[in-house]
Amino acid sequence: KEGISFEVFSAVEPNPKDRNVMEGAAAARAFGSDCL
């Protein structure tokens, strides 16, 4: 509604894994995220 660009990272597992963190950080960098 406010025109804010975003992407969704939904690959978080229960008891978050190191691989989830690394994949999510890569997704944040690829999107150019300025926040989470």
PDB file of all heavy atoms in Angstrom:
ATOM      1  N   LYS A   1       0.820  -1.209   0.000  1.00  0.00           N
ATOM      2  CA  LYS A   1       0.000   0.000   0.000  1.00  0.00           C
ATOM      3  C   LYS A   1       0.854   1.258   0.000  1.00  0.00           C
ATOM      4  O   LYS A   1       0.480   2.283  -0.605  1.00  0.00           O
ATOM      5  CB  LYS A   1      -0.915  -0.006   1.223  1.00  0.00           C
ATOM      6  CG  LYS A   1      -1.867   1.177   1.291  1.00  0.00           C
ATOM      7  CD  LYS A   1      -2.758   1.084   2.525  1.00  0.00           C
ATOM      8  CE  LYS A   1      -3.683   2.287   2.618  1.00  0.00           C
ATOM      9  NZ  LYS A   1      -4.544   2.221   3.837  1.00  0.00           N
ATOM     10  N   GLU A   2       2.019   1.178   0.658  1.00  0.00           N
ATOM     11  CA  GLU A   2       2.913   2.330   0.737  1.00  0.00           C
ATOM     12  C   GLU A   2       4.011   2.289  -0.321  1.00  0.00           C
ATOM     13  O   GLU A   2       4.931   3.117  -0.299  1.00  0.00           O
ATOM     14  CB  GLU A   2       3.534   2.419   2.125  1.00  0.00           C
ATOM     15  CG  GLU A   2       2.528   2.649   3.239  1.00  0.00           C
ATOM     16  CD  GLU A   2       1.767   3.945   3.061  1.00  0.00           C
ATOM     17  OE1 GLU A   2       2.380   4.949   2.617  1.00  0.00           O
ATOM     18  OE2 GLU A   2       0.550   3.966   3.352  1.00  0.00           O
ATOM     19  N   GLY A   3       3.926   1.327  -1.242  1.00  0.00           N
ATOM     20  CA  GLY A   3       4.900   1.240  -2.330  1.00  0.00           C
ATOM     21  C   GLY A   3       6.295   0.838  -1.898  1.00  0.00           C
ATOM     22  O   GLY A   3       7.283   1.200  -2.550  1.00  0.00           O
ATOM     23  N   ILE A   4       6.407   0.100  -0.805  1.00  0.00           N
ATOM     24  CA  ILE A   4       7.714  -0.332  -0.303  1.00  0.00           C
ATOM     25  C   ILE A   4       8.131  -1.620  -1.014  1.00  0.00           C
ATOM     26  O   ILE A   4       7.385  -2.601  -1.038  1.00  0.00           O
ATOM     27  CB  ILE A   4       7.665  -0.557   1.219  1.00  0.00           C
ATOM     28  CG1 ILE A   4       7.391   0.777   1.928  1.00  0.00           C
ATOM     29  CG2 ILE A   4       8.966  -1.179   1.724  1.00  0.00           C
ATOM     30  CD1 ILE A   4       7.204   0.651   3.423  1.00  0.00           C
ATOM     31  N   SER A   5       9.311  -1.614  -1.619  1.00  0.00           N
ATOM     32  CA  SER A   5       9.838  -2.798  -2.307  1.00  0.00           C
ATOM     33  C   SER A   5      10.362  -3.795  -1.286  1.00  0.00           C
ATOM     34  O   SER A   5      11.024  -3.412  -0.315  1.00  0.00           O
ATOM     35  CB  SER A   5      10.966  -2.391  -3.259  1.00  0.00           C
ATOM     36  OG  SER A   5      10.502  -1.500  -4.254  1.00  0.00           O
ATOM     37  N   PHE A   6      10.078  -5.067  -1.511  1.00  0.00           N
ATOM     38  CA  PHE A   6      10.522  -6.095  -0.575  1.00  0.00           C
ATOM     39  C   PHE A   6      10.630  -7.426  -1.302  1.00  0.00           C
ATOM     40  O   PHE A   6      10.084  -7.612  -2.389  1.00  0.00           O
ATOM     41  CB  PHE A   6       9.542  -6.226   0.595  1.00  0.00           C
ATOM     42  CG  PHE A   6       8.175  -6.693   0.177  1.00  0.00           C
ATOM     43  CD1 PHE A   6       7.858  -8.044   0.116  1.00  0.00           C
ATOM     44  CD2 PHE A   6       7.199  -5.773  -0.177  1.00  0.00           C
ATOM     45  CE1 PHE A   6       6.601  -8.475  -0.281  1.00  0.00           C
ATOM     46  CE2 PHE A   6       5.939  -6.183  -0.587  1.00  0.00           C
ATOM     47  CZ  PHE A   6       5.643  -7.544  -0.637  1.00  0.00           C
ATOM     48  N   GLU A   7      11.343  -8.333  -0.699  1.00  0.00           N
ATOM     49  CA  GLU A   7      11.349  -9.734  -1.103  1.00  0.00           C
ATOM     50  C   GLU A   7      11.140 -10.582   0.139  1.00  0.00           C
ATOM     51  O   GLU A   7      11.348 -10.106   1.260  1.00  0.00           O
ATOM     52  CB  GLU A   7      12.648 -10.123  -1.831  1.00  0.00           C
ATOM     53  CG  GLU A   7      12.707  -9.602  -3.246  1.00  0.00           C
ATOM     54  CD  GLU A   7      13.832 -10.230  -4.066  1.00  0.00           C
ATOM     55  OE1 GLU A   7      14.614 -11.040  -3.501  1.00  0.00           O
ATOM     56  OE2 GLU A   7      13.944  -9.894  -5.260  1.00  0.00           O
ATOM     57  N   VAL A   8      10.739 -11.834  -0.068  1.00  0.00           N
ATOM     58  CA  VAL A   8      10.461 -12.742   1.044  1.00  0.00           C
ATOM     59  C   VAL A   8      11.464 -13.886   1.045  1.00  0.00           C
ATOM     60  O   VAL A   8      11.672 -14.532   0.009  1.00  0.00           O
ATOM     61  CB  VAL A   8       9.028 -13.304   0.957  1.00  0.00           C
ATOM     62  CG1 VAL A   8       8.779 -14.315   2.075  1.00  0.00           C
ATOM     63  CG2 VAL A   8       7.997 -12.181   1.013  1.00  0.00           C
ATOM     64  N   PHE A   9      12.089 -14.109   2.183  1.00  0.00           N
ATOM     65  CA  PHE A   9      12.949 -15.289   2.400  1.00  0.00           C
ATOM     66  C   PHE A   9      12.234 -16.170   3.411  1.00  0.00           C
ATOM     67  O   PHE A   9      12.125 -15.817   4.584  1.00  0.00           O
ATOM     68  CB  PHE A   9      14.322 -14.872   2.930  1.00  0.00           C
ATOM     69  CG  PHE A   9      15.231 -16.045   3.216  1.00  0.00           C
ATOM     70  CD1 PHE A   9      15.869 -16.712   2.196  1.00  0.00           C
ATOM     71  CD2 PHE A   9      15.423 -16.483   4.525  1.00  0.00           C
ATOM     72  CE1 PHE A   9      16.709 -17.803   2.466  1.00  0.00           C
ATOM     73  CE2 PHE A   9      16.240 -17.558   4.801  1.00  0.00           C
ATOM     74  CZ  PHE A   9      16.889 -18.228   3.767  1.00  0.00           C
ATOM     75  N   SER A  10      11.724 -17.312   2.944  1.00  0.00           N
ATOM     76  CA  SER A  10      10.888 -18.162   3.800  1.00  0.00           C
ATOM     77  C   SER A  10      11.505 -19.530   4.074  1.00  0.00           C
ATOM     78  O   SER A  10      10.815 -20.444   4.511  1.00  0.00           O
ATOM     79  CB  SER A  10       9.509 -18.351   3.170  1.00  0.00           C
ATOM     80  OG  SER A  10       9.620 -18.989   1.908  1.00  0.00           O
ATOM     81  N   ALA A  11      12.812 -19.662   3.854  1.00  0.00           N
ATOM     82  CA  ALA A  11      13.459 -20.970   3.989  1.00  0.00           C
ATOM     83  C   ALA A  11      13.990 -21.222   5.394  1.00  0.00           C
ATOM     84  O   ALA A  11      14.877 -22.069   5.578  1.00  0.00           O
ATOM     85  CB  ALA A  11      14.595 -21.090   2.977  1.00  0.00           C
ATOM     86  N   VAL A  12      13.470 -20.520   6.398  1.00  0.00           N
ATOM     87  CA  VAL A  12      13.927 -20.724   7.776  1.00  0.00           C
ATOM     88  C   VAL A  12      13.335 -22.018   8.317  1.00  0.00           C
ATOM     89  O   VAL A  12      12.128 -22.235   8.255  1.00  0.00           O
ATOM     90  CB  VAL A  12      13.533 -19.544   8.675  1.00  0.00           C
ATOM     91  CG1 VAL A  12      14.032 -19.783  10.098  1.00  0.00           C
ATOM     92  CG2 VAL A  12      14.084 -18.237   8.127  1.00  0.00           C
ATOM     93  N   GLU A  13      14.185 -22.859   8.861  1.00  0.00           N
ATOM     94  CA  GLU A  13      13.758 -24.129   9.458  1.00  0.00           C
ATOM     95  C   GLU A  13      13.591 -23.964  10.971  1.00  0.00           C
ATOM     96  O   GLU A  13      14.155 -23.042  11.573  1.00  0.00           O
ATOM     97  CB  GLU A  13      14.805 -25.210   9.193  1.00  0.00           C
ATOM     98  CG  GLU A  13      15.082 -25.472   7.723  1.00  0.00           C
ATOM     99  CD  GLU A  13      16.286 -26.376   7.531  1.00  0.00           C
ATOM    100  OE1 GLU A  13      16.153 -27.586   7.816  1.00  0.00           O
ATOM    101  OE2 GLU A  13      17.347 -25.883   7.117  1.00  0.00           O
ATOM    102  N   PRO A  14      12.820 -24.860  11.604  1.00  0.00           N
ATOM    103  CA  PRO A  14      12.807 -24.869  13.072  1.00  0.00           C
ATOM    104  C   PRO A  14      14.230 -25.085  13.599  1.00  0.00           C
ATOM    105  O   PRO A  14      15.026 -25.781  12.969  1.00  0.00           O
ATOM    106  CB  PRO A  14      11.908 -26.064  13.406  1.00  0.00           C
ATOM    107  CG  PRO A  14      11.061 -26.266  12.195  1.00  0.00           C
ATOM    108  CD  PRO A  14      11.926 -25.887  11.030  1.00  0.00           C
ATOM    109  N   ASN A  15      14.537 -24.493  14.753  1.00  0.00           N
ATOM    110  CA  ASN A  15      15.924 -24.504  15.232  1.00  0.00           C
ATOM    111  C   ASN A  15      16.816 -24.007  14.090  1.00  0.00           C
ATOM    112  O   ASN A  15      17.510 -24.792  13.459  1.00  0.00           O
ATOM    113  CB  ASN A  15      16.370 -25.897  15.671  1.00  0.00           C
ATOM    114  CG  ASN A  15      15.614 -26.414  16.861  1.00  0.00           C
ATOM    115  OD1 ASN A  15      15.435 -25.709  17.843  1.00  0.00           O
ATOM    116  ND2 ASN A  15      15.132 -27.643  16.777  1.00  0.00           N
ATOM    117  N   PRO A  16      16.792 -22.711  13.784  1.00  0.00           N
ATOM    118  CA  PRO A  16      17.426 -22.198  12.557  1.00  0.00           C
ATOM    119  C   PRO A  16      18.848 -22.696  12.397  1.00  0.00           C
ATOM    120  O   PRO A  16      19.622 -22.722  13.347  1.00  0.00           O
ATOM    121  CB  PRO A  16      17.373 -20.684  12.728  1.00  0.00           C
ATOM    122  CG  PRO A  16      17.157 -20.463  14.187  1.00  0.00           C
ATOM    123  CD  PRO A  16      16.351 -21.624  14.668  1.00  0.00           C
ATOM    124  N   LYS A  17      19.142 -23.097  11.170  1.00  0.00           N
ATOM    125  CA  LYS A  17      20.412 -23.730  10.853  1.00  0.00           C
ATOM    126  C   LYS A  17      21.406 -22.716  10.295  1.00  0.00           C
ATOM    127  O   LYS A  17      21.023 -21.680   9.746  1.00  0.00           O
ATOM    128  CB  LYS A  17      20.199 -24.849   9.830  1.00  0.00           C
ATOM    129  CG  LYS A  17      19.040 -25.806  10.143  1.00  0.00           C
ATOM    130  CD  LYS A  17      19.240 -26.566  11.429  1.00  0.00           C
ATOM    131  CE  LYS A  17      18.194 -27.659  11.628  1.00  0.00           C
ATOM    132  NZ  LYS A  17      16.838 -27.136  11.908  1.00  0.00           N
ATOM    133  N   ASP A  18      22.678 -23.076  10.378  1.00  0.00           N
ATOM    134  CA  ASP A  18      23.706 -22.215   9.799  1.00  0.00           C
ATOM    135  C   ASP A  18      23.466 -21.991   8.316  1.00  0.00           C
ATOM    136  O   ASP A  18      23.665 -20.897   7.783  1.00  0.00           O
ATOM    137  CB  ASP A  18      25.108 -22.780  10.067  1.00  0.00           C
ATOM    138  CG  ASP A  18      25.241 -24.277   9.796  1.00  0.00           C
ATOM    139  OD1 ASP A  18      24.316 -24.888   9.203  1.00  0.00           O
ATOM    140  OD2 ASP A  18      26.276 -24.851  10.197  1.00  0.00           O
ATOM    141  N   ARG A  19      22.967 -23.027   7.610  1.00  0.00           N
ATOM    142  CA  ARG A  19      22.711 -22.873   6.172  1.00  0.00           C
ATOM    143  C   ARG A  19      21.594 -21.870   5.903  1.00  0.00           C
ATOM    144  O   ARG A  19      21.624 -21.145   4.910  1.00  0.00           O
ATOM    145  CB  ARG A  19      22.377 -24.225   5.545  1.00  0.00           C
ATOM    146  CG  ARG A  19      21.170 -24.943   6.146  1.00  0.00           C
ATOM    147  CD  ARG A  19      20.835 -26.231   5.407  1.00  0.00           C
ATOM    148  NE  ARG A  19      19.776 -26.976   6.093  1.00  0.00           N
ATOM    149  CZ  ARG A  19      19.975 -28.076   6.801  1.00  0.00           C
ATOM    150  NH1 ARG A  19      21.206 -28.572   6.936  1.00  0.00           N
ATOM    151  NH2 ARG A  19      18.958 -28.696   7.382  1.00  0.00           N
ATOM    152  N   ASN A  20      20.588 -21.814   6.795  1.00  0.00           N
ATOM    153  CA  ASN A  20      19.516 -20.826   6.634  1.00  0.00           C
ATOM    154  C   ASN A  20      20.075 -19.412   6.731  1.00  0.00           C
ATOM    155  O   ASN A  20      19.707 -18.528   5.949  1.00  0.00           O
ATOM    156  CB  ASN A  20      18.448 -20.998   7.704  1.00  0.00           C
ATOM    157  CG  ASN A  20      17.832 -22.377   7.760  1.00  0.00           C
ATOM    158  OD1 ASN A  20      17.386 -22.812   8.817  1.00  0.00           O
ATOM    159  ND2 ASN A  20      17.798 -23.104   6.653  1.00  0.00           N
ATOM    160  N   VAL A  21      20.960 -19.198   7.700  1.00  0.00           N
ATOM    161  CA  VAL A  21      21.564 -17.884   7.885  1.00  0.00           C
ATOM    162  C   VAL A  21      22.376 -17.488   6.662  1.00  0.00           C
ATOM    163  O   VAL A  21      22.248 -16.359   6.153  1.00  0.00           O
ATOM    164  CB  VAL A  21      22.454 -17.872   9.145  1.00  0.00           C
ATOM    165  CG1 VAL A  21      23.222 -16.546   9.244  1.00  0.00           C
ATOM    166  CG2 VAL A  21      21.621 -18.099  10.391  1.00  0.00           C
ATOM    167  N   MET A  22      23.181 -18.406   6.156  1.00  0.00           N
ATOM    168  CA  MET A  22      24.046 -18.082   5.018  1.00  0.00           C
ATOM    169  C   MET A  22      23.224 -17.819   3.754  1.00  0.00           C
ATOM    170  O   MET A  22      23.507 -16.878   3.000  1.00  0.00           O
ATOM    171  CB  MET A  22      25.046 -19.213   4.791  1.00  0.00           C
ATOM    172  CG  MET A  22      25.965 -19.505   5.981  1.00  0.00           C
ATOM    173  SD  MET A  22      26.842 -18.048   6.615  1.00  0.00           S
ATOM    174  CE  MET A  22      27.910 -17.691   5.210  1.00  0.00           C
ATOM    175  N   GLU A  23      22.187 -18.629   3.523  1.00  0.00           N
ATOM    176  CA  GLU A  23      21.330 -18.422   2.354  1.00  0.00           C
ATOM    177  C   GLU A  23      20.566 -17.108   2.475  1.00  0.00           C
ATOM    178  O   GLU A  23      20.418 -16.363   1.500  1.00  0.00           O
ATOM    179  CB  GLU A  23      20.346 -19.586   2.217  1.00  0.00           C
ATOM    180  CG  GLU A  23      20.997 -20.904   1.817  1.00  0.00           C
ATOM    181  CD  GLU A  23      20.035 -22.081   1.983  1.00  0.00           C
ATOM    182  OE1 GLU A  23      18.841 -21.853   2.298  1.00  0.00           O
ATOM    183  OE2 GLU A  23      20.486 -23.235   1.795  1.00  0.00           O
ATOM    184  N   GLY A  24      20.078 -16.816   3.676  1.00  0.00           N
ATOM    185  CA  GLY A  24      19.335 -15.575   3.885  1.00  0.00           C
ATOM    186  C   GLY A  24      20.206 -14.344   3.731  1.00  0.00           C
ATOM    187  O   GLY A  24      19.774 -13.337   3.160  1.00  0.00           O
ATOM    188  N   ALA A  25      21.436 -14.409   4.237  1.00  0.00           N
ATOM    189  CA  ALA A  25      22.350 -13.271   4.090  1.00  0.00           C
ATOM    190  C   ALA A  25      22.666 -13.027   2.613  1.00  0.00           C
ATOM    191  O   ALA A  25      22.730 -11.869   2.169  1.00  0.00           O
ATOM    192  CB  ALA A  25      23.629 -13.526   4.878  1.00  0.00           C
ATOM    193  N   ALA A  26      22.833 -14.108   1.860  1.00  0.00           N
ATOM    194  CA  ALA A  26      23.088 -13.966   0.423  1.00  0.00           C
ATOM    195  C   ALA A  26      21.879 -13.342  -0.271  1.00  0.00           C
ATOM    196  O   ALA A  26      22.029 -12.490  -1.160  1.00  0.00           O
ATOM    197  CB  ALA A  26      23.405 -15.328  -0.186  1.00  0.00           C
ATOM    198  N   ALA A  27      20.671 -13.742   0.144  1.00  0.00           N
ATOM    199  CA  ALA A  27      19.454 -13.169  -0.435  1.00  0.00           C
ATOM    200  C   ALA A  27      19.352 -11.678  -0.118  1.00  0.00           C
ATOM    201  O   ALA A  27      18.934 -10.875  -0.964  1.00  0.00           O
ATOM    202  CB  ALA A  27      18.228 -13.903   0.085  1.00  0.00           C
ATOM    203  N   ALA A  28      19.723 -11.298   1.102  1.00  0.00           N
ATOM    204  CA  ALA A  28      19.676  -9.889   1.488  1.00  0.00           C
ATOM    205  C   ALA A  28      20.651  -9.068   0.657  1.00  0.00           C
ATOM    206  O   ALA A  28      20.316  -7.965   0.190  1.00  0.00           O
ATOM    207  CB  ALA A  28      19.984  -9.743   2.978  1.00  0.00           C
ATOM    208  N   ARG A  29      21.844  -9.591   0.452  1.00  0.00           N
ATOM    209  CA  ARG A  29      22.831  -8.868  -0.349  1.00  0.00           C
ATOM    210  C   ARG A  29      22.386  -8.773  -1.804  1.00  0.00           C
ATOM    211  O   ARG A  29      22.518  -7.718  -2.449  1.00  0.00           O
ATOM    212  CB  ARG A  29      24.193  -9.552  -0.251  1.00  0.00           C
ATOM    213  CG  ARG A  29      24.891  -9.358   1.105  1.00  0.00           C
ATOM    214  CD  ARG A  29      26.357  -9.765   1.028  1.00  0.00           C
ATOM    215  NE  ARG A  29      26.478 -11.191   0.767  1.00  0.00           N
ATOM    216  CZ  ARG A  29      26.716 -12.110   1.698  1.00  0.00           C
ATOM    217  NH1 ARG A  29      26.842 -11.733   2.966  1.00  0.00           N
ATOM    218  NH2 ARG A  29      26.839 -13.375   1.376  1.00  0.00           N
ATOM    219  N   ALA A  30      21.847  -9.866  -2.352  1.00  0.00           N
ATOM    220  CA  ALA A  30      21.426  -9.881  -3.756  1.00  0.00           C
ATOM    221  C   ALA A  30      20.297  -8.879  -4.011  1.00  0.00           C
ATOM    222  O   ALA A  30      20.242  -8.247  -5.069  1.00  0.00           O
ATOM    223  CB  ALA A  30      20.977 -11.288  -4.147  1.00  0.00           C
ATOM    224  N   PHE A  31      19.394  -8.727  -3.038  1.00  0.00           N
ATOM    225  CA  PHE A  31      18.277  -7.812  -3.179  1.00  0.00           C
ATOM    226  C   PHE A  31      18.678  -6.361  -2.879  1.00  0.00           C
ATOM    227  O   PHE A  31      17.958  -5.424  -3.212  1.00  0.00           O
ATOM    228  CB  PHE A  31      17.138  -8.247  -2.252  1.00  0.00           C
ATOM    229  CG  PHE A  31      15.916  -7.376  -2.302  1.00  0.00           C
ATOM    230  CD1 PHE A  31      15.235  -7.157  -3.491  1.00  0.00           C
ATOM    231  CD2 PHE A  31      15.437  -6.778  -1.146  1.00  0.00           C
ATOM    232  CE1 PHE A  31      14.105  -6.347  -3.529  1.00  0.00           C
ATOM    233  CE2 PHE A  31      14.306  -5.971  -1.174  1.00  0.00           C
ATOM    234  CZ  PHE A  31      13.637  -5.760  -2.373  1.00  0.00           C
ATOM    235  N   GLY A  32      19.816  -6.190  -2.250  1.00  0.00           N
ATOM    236  CA  GLY A  32      20.220  -4.856  -1.818  1.00  0.00           C
ATOM    237  C   GLY A  32      19.408  -4.366  -0.644  1.00  0.00           C
ATOM    238  O   GLY A  32      19.076  -3.179  -0.529  1.00  0.00           O
ATOM    239  N   SER A  33      19.085  -5.272   0.265  1.00  0.00           N
ATOM    240  CA  SER A  33      18.250  -4.928   1.416  1.00  0.00           C
ATOM    241  C   SER A  33      18.943  -3.914   2.313  1.00  0.00           C
ATOM    242  O   SER A  33      20.139  -4.025   2.587  1.00  0.00           O
ATOM    243  CB  SER A  33      17.943  -6.190   2.238  1.00  0.00           C
ATOM    244  OG  SER A  33      17.257  -7.136   1.460  1.00  0.00           O
ATOM    245  N   ASP A  34      18.151  -2.951   2.771  1.00  0.00           N
ATOM    246  CA  ASP A  34      18.696  -2.007   3.744  1.00  0.00           C
ATOM    247  C   ASP A  34      18.214  -2.306   5.157  1.00  0.00           C
ATOM    248  O   ASP A  34      18.556  -1.602   6.105  1.00  0.00           O
ATOM    249  CB  ASP A  34      18.365  -0.563   3.354  1.00  0.00           C
ATOM    250  CG  ASP A  34      16.866  -0.288   3.247  1.00  0.00           C
ATOM    251  OD1 ASP A  34      16.073  -1.210   3.539  1.00  0.00           O
ATOM    252  OD2 ASP A  34      16.502   0.837   2.861  1.00  0.00           O
ATOM    253  N   CYS A  35      17.416  -3.380   5.292  1.00  0.00           N
ATOM    254  CA  CYS A  35      16.972  -3.809   6.614  1.00  0.00           C
ATOM    255  C   CYS A  35      16.331  -5.191   6.491  1.00  0.00           C
ATOM    256  O   CYS A  35      16.069  -5.669   5.375  1.00  0.00           O
ATOM    257  CB  CYS A  35      15.969  -2.830   7.231  1.00  0.00           C
ATOM    258  SG  CYS A  35      14.403  -2.736   6.339  1.00  0.00           S
ATOM    259  N   LEU A  36      16.086  -5.819   7.635  1.00  0.00           N
ATOM    260  CA  LEU A  36      15.415  -7.117   7.690  1.00  0.00           C
ATOM    261  C   LEU A  36      14.129  -6.967   8.491  1.00  0.00           C
ATOM    262  O   LEU A  36      14.083  -6.226   9.473  1.00  0.00           O
ATOM    263  CB  LEU A  36      16.309  -8.164   8.353  1.00  0.00           C
ATOM    264  CG  LEU A  36      17.655  -8.425   7.686  1.00  0.00           C
ATOM    265  CD1 LEU A  36      18.498  -9.382   8.542  1.00  0.00           C
ATOM    266  CD2 LEU A  36      17.486  -8.983   6.285  1.00  0.00           C
TER     267      LEU A  36
END
